[in-house]
PDB file of N, CA and C in Angstrom:
ATOM      1  N   MET A   1     234.465  89.809  28.823  1.00  0.00           N
ATOM      2  CA  MET A   1     233.691  89.537  27.622  1.00  0.00           C
ATOM      3  C   MET A   1     232.278  89.647  27.928  1.00  0.00           C
ATOM      4  N   ASN A   2     231.481  90.304  27.066  1.00  0.00           N
ATOM      5  CA  ASN A   2     230.115  90.556  27.246  1.00  0.00           C
ATOM      6  C   ASN A   2     229.345  89.578  26.613  1.00  0.00           C
ATOM      7  N   ALA A   3     228.294  89.001  27.335  1.00  0.00           N
ATOM      8  CA  ALA A   3     227.326  88.113  26.753  1.00  0.00           C
ATOM      9  C   ALA A   3     226.152  88.820  26.131  1.00  0.00           C
ATOM     10  N   LEU A   4     225.924  88.694  24.908  1.00  0.00           N
ATOM     11  CA  LEU A   4     224.771  89.349  24.210  1.00  0.00           C
ATOM     12  C   LEU A   4     223.604  88.394  24.239  1.00  0.00           C
ATOM     13  N   LYS A   5     222.412  88.995  24.587  1.00  0.00           N
ATOM     14  CA  LYS A   5     221.164  88.291  24.543  1.00  0.00           C
ATOM     15  C   LYS A   5     220.534  88.273  23.056  1.00  0.00           C
ATOM     16  N   ILE A   6     221.168  89.116  22.097  1.00  0.00           N
ATOM     17  CA  ILE A   6     220.674  89.116  20.736  1.00  0.00           C
ATOM     18  C   ILE A   6     221.616  88.202  19.995  1.00  0.00           C
ATOM     19  N   LYS A   7     220.873  87.301  19.174  1.00  0.00           N
ATOM     20  CA  LYS A   7     221.501  86.314  18.382  1.00  0.00           C
ATOM     21  C   LYS A   7     221.442  86.588  16.949  1.00  0.00           C
ATOM     22  N   LYS A   8     222.301  86.000  16.096  1.00  0.00           N
ATOM     23  CA  LYS A   8     222.230  86.087  14.659  1.00  0.00           C
ATOM     24  C   LYS A   8     220.822  85.453  14.107  1.00  0.00           C
ATOM     25  N   GLY A   9     220.202  86.265  13.311  1.00  0.00           N
ATOM     26  CA  GLY A   9     218.897  85.833  12.721  1.00  0.00           C
ATOM     27  C   GLY A   9     217.768  86.446  13.456  1.00  0.00           C
ATOM     28  N   ASP A  10     217.987  87.123  14.616  1.00  0.00           N
ATOM     29  CA  ASP A  10     216.847  87.826  15.295  1.00  0.00           C
ATOM     30  C   ASP A  10     216.306  89.008  14.482  1.00  0.00           C
ATOM     31  N   THR A  11     215.153  89.356  14.611  1.00  0.00           N
ATOM     32  CA  THR A  11     214.609  90.512  14.065  1.00  0.00           C
ATOM     33  C   THR A  11     214.582  91.568  15.151  1.00  0.00           C
ATOM     34  N   VAL A  12     215.270  92.661  15.025  1.00  0.00           N
ATOM     35  CA  VAL A  12     215.400  93.744  15.968  1.00  0.00           C
ATOM     36  C   VAL A  12     214.939  95.103  15.546  1.00  0.00           C
ATOM     37  N   GLN A  13     214.602  95.917  16.427  1.00  0.00           N
ATOM     38  CA  GLN A  13     214.107  97.280  16.116  1.00  0.00           C
ATOM     39  C   GLN A  13     215.083  98.233  16.849  1.00  0.00           C
ATOM     40  N   VAL A  14     215.604  99.309  16.062  1.00  0.00           N
ATOM     41  CA  VAL A  14     216.394 100.234  16.584  1.00  0.00           C
ATOM     42  C   VAL A  14     215.661 101.355  17.433  1.00  0.00           C
ATOM     43  N   ILE A  15     216.079 101.579  18.626  1.00  0.00           N
ATOM     44  CA  ILE A  15     215.379 102.347  19.630  1.00  0.00           C
ATOM     45  C   ILE A  15     215.902 103.756  19.703  1.00  0.00           C
ATOM     46  N   THR A  16     217.071 104.014  19.194  1.00  0.00           N
ATOM     47  CA  THR A  16     217.697 105.329  19.286  1.00  0.00           C
ATOM     48  C   THR A  16     218.630 105.653  18.128  1.00  0.00           C
ATOM     49  N   GLY A  17     218.875 106.808  17.790  1.00  0.00           N
ATOM     50  CA  GLY A  17     219.733 107.183  16.749  1.00  0.00           C
ATOM     51  C   GLY A  17     219.015 107.553  15.458  1.00  0.00           C
ATOM     52  N   LYS A  18     219.895 107.780  14.365  1.00  0.00           N
ATOM     53  CA  LYS A  18     219.284 108.149  13.050  1.00  0.00           C
ATOM     54  C   LYS A  18     218.306 107.146  12.507  1.00  0.00           C
ATOM     55  N   ASP A  19     218.467 105.868  12.833  1.00  0.00           N
ATOM     56  CA  ASP A  19     217.639 104.842  12.265  1.00  0.00           C
ATOM     57  C   ASP A  19     216.519 104.353  13.219  1.00  0.00           C
ATOM     58  N   ARG A  20     216.067 105.281  14.166  1.00  0.00           N
ATOM     59  CA  ARG A  20     215.222 104.902  15.090  1.00  0.00           C
ATOM     60  C   ARG A  20     213.858 104.466  14.548  1.00  0.00           C
ATOM     61  N   GLY A  21     213.284 103.402  14.956  1.00  0.00           N
ATOM     62  CA  GLY A  21     212.022 102.915  14.537  1.00  0.00           C
ATOM     63  C   GLY A  21     212.107 101.850  13.452  1.00  0.00           C
ATOM     64  N   ARG A  22     213.277 101.736  12.879  1.00  0.00           N
ATOM     65  CA  ARG A  22     213.477 100.776  11.685  1.00  0.00           C
ATOM     66  C   ARG A  22     213.788  99.428  12.187  1.00  0.00           C
ATOM     67  N   THR A  23     213.324  98.342  11.422  1.00  0.00           N
ATOM     68  CA  THR A  23     213.511  96.993  11.880  1.00  0.00           C
ATOM     69  C   THR A  23     214.388  96.378  10.887  1.00  0.00           C
ATOM     70  N   GLY A  24     215.119  95.318  11.272  1.00  0.00           N
ATOM     71  CA  GLY A  24     215.914  94.529  10.366  1.00  0.00           C
ATOM     72  C   GLY A  24     216.442  93.240  11.019  1.00  0.00           C
ATOM     73  N   LYS A  25     217.048  92.386  10.267  1.00  0.00           N
ATOM     74  CA  LYS A  25     217.492  91.049  10.726  1.00  0.00           C
ATOM     75  C   LYS A  25     218.900  91.258  11.012  1.00  0.00           C
ATOM     76  N   VAL A  26     219.277  90.509  12.141  1.00  0.00           N
ATOM     77  CA  VAL A  26     220.831  90.515  12.608  1.00  0.00           C
ATOM     78  C   VAL A  26     221.640  89.676  11.688  1.00  0.00           C
ATOM     79  N   LEU A  27     222.615  90.272  10.975  1.00  0.00           N
ATOM     80  CA  LEU A  27     223.500  89.472  10.199  1.00  0.00           C
ATOM     81  C   LEU A  27     224.579  88.771  10.936  1.00  0.00           C
ATOM     82  N   HIS A  28     225.172  89.541  11.893  1.00  0.00           N
ATOM     83  CA  HIS A  28     226.161  88.803  12.740  1.00  0.00           C
ATOM     84  C   HIS A  28     226.375  89.629  13.963  1.00  0.00           C
ATOM     85  N   THR A  29     226.963  89.243  15.051  1.00  0.00           N
ATOM     86  CA  THR A  29     227.169  89.883  16.241  1.00  0.00           C
ATOM     87  C   THR A  29     228.710  90.007  16.536  1.00  0.00           C
ATOM     88  N   VAL A  30     229.088  91.052  17.425  1.00  0.00           N
ATOM     89  CA  VAL A  30     230.432  91.089  17.863  1.00  0.00           C
ATOM     90  C   VAL A  30     230.340  91.306  19.358  1.00  0.00           C
ATOM     91  N   PRO A  31     230.372  90.090  19.998  1.00  0.00           N
ATOM     92  CA  PRO A  31     230.227  90.076  21.450  1.00  0.00           C
ATOM     93  C   PRO A  31     231.299  90.830  22.226  1.00  0.00           C
ATOM     94  N   ALA A  32     232.433  90.818  21.807  1.00  0.00           N
ATOM     95  CA  ALA A  32     233.586  91.409  22.545  1.00  0.00           C
ATOM     96  C   ALA A  32     233.440  92.985  22.541  1.00  0.00           C
ATOM     97  N   ALA A  33     232.861  93.555  21.461  1.00  0.00           N
ATOM     98  CA  ALA A  33     232.553  94.942  21.525  1.00  0.00           C
ATOM     99  C   ALA A  33     231.215  95.357  21.732  1.00  0.00           C
ATOM    100  N   GLY A  34     230.381  94.290  22.054  1.00  0.00           N
ATOM    101  CA  GLY A  34     228.912  94.616  22.416  1.00  0.00           C
ATOM    102  C   GLY A  34     228.072  95.279  21.256  1.00  0.00           C
ATOM    103  N   LYS A  35     228.393  94.777  19.961  1.00  0.00           N
ATOM    104  CA  LYS A  35     227.834  95.403  18.871  1.00  0.00           C
ATOM    105  C   LYS A  35     227.164  94.434  17.940  1.00  0.00           C
ATOM    106  N   VAL A  36     226.185  94.861  17.131  1.00  0.00           N
ATOM    107  CA  VAL A  36     225.527  93.871  16.169  1.00  0.00           C
ATOM    108  C   VAL A  36     225.509  94.543  14.793  1.00  0.00           C
ATOM    109  N   VAL A  37     225.464  93.791  13.728  1.00  0.00           N
ATOM    110  CA  VAL A  37     225.306  94.277  12.403  1.00  0.00           C
ATOM    111  C   VAL A  37     223.880  93.879  11.911  1.00  0.00           C
ATOM    112  N   ILE A  38     223.168  94.848  11.427  1.00  0.00           N
ATOM    113  CA  ILE A  38     221.731  94.625  11.099  1.00  0.00           C
ATOM    114  C   ILE A  38     221.684  94.949   9.583  1.00  0.00           C
ATOM    115  N   GLU A  39     220.867  94.110   8.939  1.00  0.00           N
ATOM    116  CA  GLU A  39     220.649  94.224   7.466  1.00  0.00           C
ATOM    117  C   GLU A  39     219.901  95.523   7.196  1.00  0.00           C
ATOM    118  N   GLY A  40     220.551  96.418   6.351  1.00  0.00           N
ATOM    119  CA  GLY A  40     219.835  97.670   5.938  1.00  0.00           C
ATOM    120  C   GLY A  40     219.946  98.802   6.964  1.00  0.00           C
ATOM    121  N   ILE A  41     220.529  98.656   8.042  1.00  0.00           N
ATOM    122  CA  ILE A  41     220.523  99.659   9.171  1.00  0.00           C
ATOM    123  C   ILE A  41     221.960 100.130   9.287  1.00  0.00           C
ATOM    124  N   ASN A  42     222.180 101.444   9.589  1.00  0.00           N
ATOM    125  CA  ASN A  42     223.504 102.007   9.839  1.00  0.00           C
ATOM    126  C   ASN A  42     224.442 101.815   8.589  1.00  0.00           C
ATOM    127  N   VAL A  43     223.931 102.126   7.438  1.00  0.00           N
ATOM    128  CA  VAL A  43     224.665 101.895   6.172  1.00  0.00           C
ATOM    129  C   VAL A  43     225.527 103.115   5.925  1.00  0.00           C
ATOM    130  N   ALA A  44     226.795 102.858   5.499  1.00  0.00           N
ATOM    131  CA  ALA A  44     227.739 103.906   5.059  1.00  0.00           C
ATOM    132  C   ALA A  44     228.316 103.523   3.687  1.00  0.00           C
ATOM    133  N   THR A  45     228.700 104.522   2.940  1.00  0.00           N
ATOM    134  CA  THR A  45     229.354 104.338   1.734  1.00  0.00           C
ATOM    135  C   THR A  45     230.821 104.243   1.796  1.00  0.00           C
ATOM    136  N   LYS A  46     231.466 103.328   1.219  1.00  0.00           N
ATOM    137  CA  LYS A  46     232.870 103.095   1.180  1.00  0.00           C
ATOM    138  C   LYS A  46     233.417 103.103  -0.218  1.00  0.00           C
ATOM    139  N   HIS A  47     234.573 103.786  -0.324  1.00  0.00           N
ATOM    140  CA  HIS A  47     235.292 103.842  -1.632  1.00  0.00           C
ATOM    141  C   HIS A  47     236.300 102.771  -1.649  1.00  0.00           C
ATOM    142  N   VAL A  48     236.213 101.890  -2.643  1.00  0.00           N
ATOM    143  CA  VAL A  48     237.018 100.700  -2.763  1.00  0.00           C
ATOM    144  C   VAL A  48     237.996 100.855  -3.997  1.00  0.00           C
ATOM    145  N   LYS A  49     239.227 100.630  -3.773  1.00  0.00           N
ATOM    146  CA  LYS A  49     240.210 100.592  -4.854  1.00  0.00           C
ATOM    147  C   LYS A  49     240.357  99.153  -5.330  1.00  0.00           C
ATOM    148  N   PRO A  50     240.516  99.031  -6.619  1.00  0.00           N
ATOM    149  CA  PRO A  50     240.805  97.646  -7.142  1.00  0.00           C
ATOM    150  C   PRO A  50     242.138  97.090  -6.631  1.00  0.00           C
ATOM    151  N   ARG A  51     242.212  95.939  -6.082  1.00  0.00           N
ATOM    152  CA  ARG A  51     243.414  95.406  -5.495  1.00  0.00           C
ATOM    153  C   ARG A  51     244.307  94.748  -6.720  1.00  0.00           C
ATOM    154  N   ASN A  52     243.608  94.348  -7.733  1.00  0.00           N
ATOM    155  CA  ASN A  52     244.326  93.747  -8.763  1.00  0.00           C
ATOM    156  C   ASN A  52     243.702  93.946 -10.150  1.00  0.00           C
ATOM    157  N   ALA A  53     244.100  93.499 -11.326  1.00  0.00           N
ATOM    158  CA  ALA A  53     243.499  93.847 -12.608  1.00  0.00           C
ATOM    159  C   ALA A  53     242.104  93.312 -12.739  1.00  0.00           C
ATOM    160  N   GLN A  54     241.735  92.180 -12.112  1.00  0.00           N
ATOM    161  CA  GLN A  54     240.478  91.631 -12.278  1.00  0.00           C
ATOM    162  C   GLN A  54     239.468  92.218 -11.425  1.00  0.00           C
ATOM    163  N   GLN A  55     239.798  92.800 -10.363  1.00  0.00           N
ATOM    164  CA  GLN A  55     238.836  93.221  -9.327  1.00  0.00           C
ATOM    165  C   GLN A  55     238.486  94.724  -9.839  1.00  0.00           C
ATOM    166  N   GLN A  56     237.182  94.938  -9.571  1.00  0.00           N
ATOM    167  CA  GLN A  56     236.705  96.248  -9.823  1.00  0.00           C
ATOM    168  C   GLN A  56     236.478  97.135  -8.643  1.00  0.00           C
ATOM    169  N   GLY A  57     236.824  98.359  -8.874  1.00  0.00           N
ATOM    170  CA  GLY A  57     236.722  99.423  -7.727  1.00  0.00           C
ATOM    171  C   GLY A  57     235.399 100.083  -7.776  1.00  0.00           C
ATOM    172  N   GLY A  58     235.251 101.014  -6.952  1.00  0.00           N
ATOM    173  CA  GLY A  58     233.896 101.787  -6.871  1.00  0.00           C
ATOM    174  C   GLY A  58     233.439 102.132  -5.558  1.00  0.00           C
ATOM    175  N   ILE A  59     232.197 102.658  -5.544  1.00  0.00           N
ATOM    176  CA  ILE A  59     231.588 103.035  -4.225  1.00  0.00           C
ATOM    177  C   ILE A  59     230.592 101.836  -3.833  1.00  0.00           C
ATOM    178  N   ILE A  60     230.732 101.303  -2.638  1.00  0.00           N
ATOM    179  CA  ILE A  60     229.748 100.290  -2.243  1.00  0.00           C
ATOM    180  C   ILE A  60     229.151 100.792  -0.897  1.00  0.00           C
ATOM    181  N   LYS A  61     227.999 100.212  -0.716  1.00  0.00           N
ATOM    182  CA  LYS A  61     227.215 100.455   0.657  1.00  0.00           C
ATOM    183  C   LYS A  61     227.537  99.275   1.560  1.00  0.00           C
ATOM    184  N   GLN A  62     227.918  99.634   2.796  1.00  0.00           N
ATOM    185  CA  GLN A  62     228.147  98.600   3.836  1.00  0.00           C
ATOM    186  C   GLN A  62     227.517  98.882   5.133  1.00  0.00           C
ATOM    187  N   GLU A  63     226.972  97.839   5.654  1.00  0.00           N
ATOM    188  CA  GLU A  63     226.344  97.916   7.081  1.00  0.00           C
ATOM    189  C   GLU A  63     227.549  97.979   8.167  1.00  0.00           C
ATOM    190  N   LEU A  64     227.383  99.009   8.994  1.00  0.00           N
ATOM    191  CA  LEU A  64     228.439  99.058  10.014  1.00  0.00           C
ATOM    192  C   LEU A  64     227.853  98.492  11.452  1.00  0.00           C
ATOM    193  N   PRO A  65     228.713  98.120  12.265  1.00  0.00           N
ATOM    194  CA  PRO A  65     228.232  97.623  13.587  1.00  0.00           C
ATOM    195  C   PRO A  65     227.476  98.735  14.356  1.00  0.00           C
ATOM    196  N   LEU A  66     226.507  98.416  15.162  1.00  0.00           N
ATOM    197  CA  LEU A  66     225.687  99.244  15.830  1.00  0.00           C
ATOM    198  C   LEU A  66     225.675  98.701  17.272  1.00  0.00           C
ATOM    199  N   ALA A  67     225.674  99.546  18.363  1.00  0.00           N
ATOM    200  CA  ALA A  67     225.706  99.068  19.645  1.00  0.00           C
ATOM    201  C   ALA A  67     224.403  98.346  20.039  1.00  0.00           C
ATOM    202  N   ALA A  68     224.711  97.241  20.733  1.00  0.00           N
ATOM    203  CA  ALA A  68     223.527  96.294  21.023  1.00  0.00           C
ATOM    204  C   ALA A  68     222.612  96.855  22.023  1.00  0.00           C
ATOM    205  N   CYS A  69     222.968  97.884  22.750  1.00  0.00           N
ATOM    206  CA  CYS A  69     222.030  98.448  23.712  1.00  0.00           C
ATOM    207  C   CYS A  69     221.161  99.499  23.054  1.00  0.00           C
ATOM    208  N   LYS A  70     221.316  99.677  21.807  1.00  0.00           N
ATOM    209  CA  LYS A  70     220.465 100.637  21.023  1.00  0.00           C
ATOM    210  C   LYS A  70     219.432  99.861  20.155  1.00  0.00           C
ATOM    211  N   VAL A  71     219.283  98.506  20.340  1.00  0.00           N
ATOM    212  CA  VAL A  71     218.256  97.767  19.626  1.00  0.00           C
ATOM    213  C   VAL A  71     217.551  96.945  20.618  1.00  0.00           C
ATOM    214  N   MET A  72     216.284  96.590  20.255  1.00  0.00           N
ATOM    215  CA  MET A  72     215.408  95.557  21.058  1.00  0.00           C
ATOM    216  C   MET A  72     214.988  94.496  20.101  1.00  0.00           C
ATOM    217  N   VAL A  73     214.945  93.165  20.573  1.00  0.00           N
ATOM    218  CA  VAL A  73     214.409  92.147  19.827  1.00  0.00           C
ATOM    219  C   VAL A  73     212.858  92.336  19.646  1.00  0.00           C
ATOM    220  N   VAL A  74     212.363  92.006  18.433  1.00  0.00           N
ATOM    221  CA  VAL A  74     210.928  92.042  18.203  1.00  0.00           C
ATOM    222  C   VAL A  74     210.412  90.622  18.296  1.00  0.00           C
ATOM    223  N   CYS A  75     209.469  90.460  19.244  1.00  0.00           N
ATOM    224  CA  CYS A  75     208.778  89.192  19.406  1.00  0.00           C
ATOM    225  C   CYS A  75     208.044  88.716  18.255  1.00  0.00           C
ATOM    226  N   PRO A  76     208.329  87.488  17.758  1.00  0.00           N
ATOM    227  CA  PRO A  76     207.596  86.998  16.422  1.00  0.00           C
ATOM    228  C   PRO A  76     206.140  86.557  16.807  1.00  0.00           C
ATOM    229  N   LYS A  77     205.702  86.642  18.097  1.00  0.00           N
ATOM    230  CA  LYS A  77     204.390  86.258  18.394  1.00  0.00           C
ATOM    231  C   LYS A  77     203.526  87.551  18.574  1.00  0.00           C
ATOM    232  N   CYS A  78     203.888  88.425  19.361  1.00  0.00           N
ATOM    233  CA  CYS A  78     203.167  89.710  19.614  1.00  0.00           C
ATOM    234  C   CYS A  78     203.652  90.869  18.777  1.00  0.00           C
ATOM    235  N   HIS A  79     204.756  90.790  18.037  1.00  0.00           N
ATOM    236  CA  HIS A  79     205.318  91.733  17.104  1.00  0.00           C
ATOM    237  C   HIS A  79     205.522  93.046  17.785  1.00  0.00           C
ATOM    238  N   LYS A  80     206.002  93.006  19.029  1.00  0.00           N
ATOM    239  CA  LYS A  80     206.397  94.265  19.777  1.00  0.00           C
ATOM    240  C   LYS A  80     207.910  94.119  20.184  1.00  0.00           C
ATOM    241  N   PRO A  81     208.683  95.250  20.146  1.00  0.00           N
ATOM    242  CA  PRO A  81     209.993  95.215  20.701  1.00  0.00           C
ATOM    243  C   PRO A  81     209.892  94.899  22.147  1.00  0.00           C
ATOM    244  N   THR A  82     210.706  94.021  22.662  1.00  0.00           N
ATOM    245  CA  THR A  82     210.693  93.529  23.959  1.00  0.00           C
ATOM    246  C   THR A  82     212.038  93.220  24.623  1.00  0.00           C
ATOM    247  N   ARG A  83     212.057  93.299  25.903  1.00  0.00           N
ATOM    248  CA  ARG A  83     213.355  92.862  26.614  1.00  0.00           C
ATOM    249  C   ARG A  83     213.226  91.365  26.654  1.00  0.00           C
ATOM    250  N   ILE A  84     214.349  90.688  26.876  1.00  0.00           N
ATOM    251  CA  ILE A  84     214.410  89.195  26.849  1.00  0.00           C
ATOM    252  C   ILE A  84     214.581  88.733  28.374  1.00  0.00           C
ATOM    253  N   LYS A  85     213.751  87.753  28.637  1.00  0.00           N
ATOM    254  CA  LYS A  85     213.782  87.090  29.901  1.00  0.00           C
ATOM    255  C   LYS A  85     214.278  85.632  29.742  1.00  0.00           C
ATOM    256  N   THR A  86     215.160  85.208  30.512  1.00  0.00           N
ATOM    257  CA  THR A  86     215.643  83.753  30.314  1.00  0.00           C
ATOM    258  C   THR A  86     215.139  82.868  31.374  1.00  0.00           C
ATOM    259  N   GLU A  87     214.484  81.733  30.813  1.00  0.00           N
ATOM    260  CA  GLU A  87     213.895  80.838  31.614  1.00  0.00           C
ATOM    261  C   GLU A  87     214.542  79.491  31.492  1.00  0.00           C
ATOM    262  N   ILE A  88     214.634  78.635  32.634  1.00  0.00           N
ATOM    263  CA  ILE A  88     215.197  77.316  32.553  1.00  0.00           C
ATOM    264  C   ILE A  88     214.100  76.280  32.634  1.00  0.00           C
ATOM    265  N   ALA A  89     213.972  75.573  31.526  1.00  0.00           N
ATOM    266  CA  ALA A  89     212.938  74.463  31.497  1.00  0.00           C
ATOM    267  C   ALA A  89     213.531  73.220  31.038  1.00  0.00           C
ATOM    268  N   ASP A  90     213.415  72.105  31.883  1.00  0.00           N
ATOM    269  CA  ASP A  90     213.976  70.766  31.501  1.00  0.00           C
ATOM    270  C   ASP A  90     215.472  70.884  31.463  1.00  0.00           C
ATOM    271  N   GLY A  91     216.141  71.689  32.248  1.00  0.00           N
ATOM    272  CA  GLY A  91     217.594  71.875  32.270  1.00  0.00           C
ATOM    273  C   GLY A  91     218.069  72.600  30.994  1.00  0.00           C
ATOM    274  N   LYS A  92     217.312  73.314  30.298  1.00  0.00           N
ATOM    275  CA  LYS A  92     217.639  73.995  29.112  1.00  0.00           C
ATOM    276  C   LYS A  92     217.303  75.466  29.151  1.00  0.00           C
ATOM    277  N   LYS A  93     218.215  76.371  28.818  1.00  0.00           N
ATOM    278  CA  LYS A  93     217.871  77.754  28.830  1.00  0.00           C
ATOM    279  C   LYS A  93     217.041  78.249  27.589  1.00  0.00           C
ATOM    280  N   THR A  94     216.075  78.994  27.703  1.00  0.00           N
ATOM    281  CA  THR A  94     215.240  79.440  26.645  1.00  0.00           C
ATOM    282  C   THR A  94     215.052  80.994  26.826  1.00  0.00           C
ATOM    283  N   ARG A  95     215.035  81.743  25.691  1.00  0.00           N
ATOM    284  CA  ARG A  95     214.735  83.114  25.677  1.00  0.00           C
ATOM    285  C   ARG A  95     213.245  83.319  25.508  1.00  0.00           C
ATOM    286  N   VAL A  96     212.708  84.297  26.495  1.00  0.00           N
ATOM    287  CA  VAL A  96     211.213  84.449  26.452  1.00  0.00           C
ATOM    288  C   VAL A  96     210.837  85.936  26.399  1.00  0.00           C
ATOM    289  N   CYS A  97     209.779  86.330  25.666  1.00  0.00           N
ATOM    290  CA  CYS A  97     209.305  87.616  25.539  1.00  0.00           C
ATOM    291  C   CYS A  97     208.714  88.049  26.920  1.00  0.00           C
ATOM    292  N   LYS A  98     209.042  89.313  27.387  1.00  0.00           N
ATOM    293  CA  LYS A  98     208.524  89.781  28.583  1.00  0.00           C
ATOM    294  C   LYS A  98     207.111  90.122  28.541  1.00  0.00           C
ATOM    295  N   HIS A  99     206.620  90.471  27.271  1.00  0.00           N
ATOM    296  CA  HIS A  99     205.061  90.925  27.175  1.00  0.00           C
ATOM    297  C   HIS A  99     204.269  89.739  27.122  1.00  0.00           C
ATOM    298  N   CYS A 100     204.378  88.781  26.209  1.00  0.00           N
ATOM    299  CA  CYS A 100     203.502  87.754  26.023  1.00  0.00           C
ATOM    300  C   CYS A 100     203.922  86.372  26.572  1.00  0.00           C
ATOM    301  N   GLY A 101     205.131  86.259  26.838  1.00  0.00           N
ATOM    302  CA  GLY A 101     205.711  84.919  27.306  1.00  0.00           C
ATOM    303  C   GLY A 101     206.025  83.963  26.200  1.00  0.00           C
ATOM    304  N   GLY A 102     205.945  84.420  24.889  1.00  0.00           N
ATOM    305  CA  GLY A 102     206.285  83.600  23.881  1.00  0.00           C
ATOM    306  C   GLY A 102     207.792  83.330  23.790  1.00  0.00           C
ATOM    307  N   GLU A 103     208.135  82.182  23.184  1.00  0.00           N
ATOM    308  CA  GLU A 103     209.575  81.834  23.064  1.00  0.00           C
ATOM    309  C   GLU A 103     210.198  82.556  21.902  1.00  0.00           C
ATOM    310  N   LEU A 104     211.481  83.019  22.071  1.00  0.00           N
ATOM    311  CA  LEU A 104     212.101  83.752  20.853  1.00  0.00           C
ATOM    312  C   LEU A 104     213.051  82.860  20.187  1.00  0.00           C
TER     313      LEU A 104
END
């Protein structure tokens, strides 16, 4: 099982692929597959059939999972995409920006 350094709610920037350079908020993570779902990134159209008489069918847009290695966390302090460093302070792990040392 892979441990992701990216958490739900982080702002990330895509560093490779068709959405390179775009930023978005992490909606949820899939640690077993090493993937993240980002708001407004890697969007695909999906054709949905109505399952019953009350439900409406149609074409919807849906965010698909993206490999976590293709994104970098954006530091809220220096506003740069950065790698994450883990520091232990007072017996507690914290995620720290490699550029400015600000807490993520």
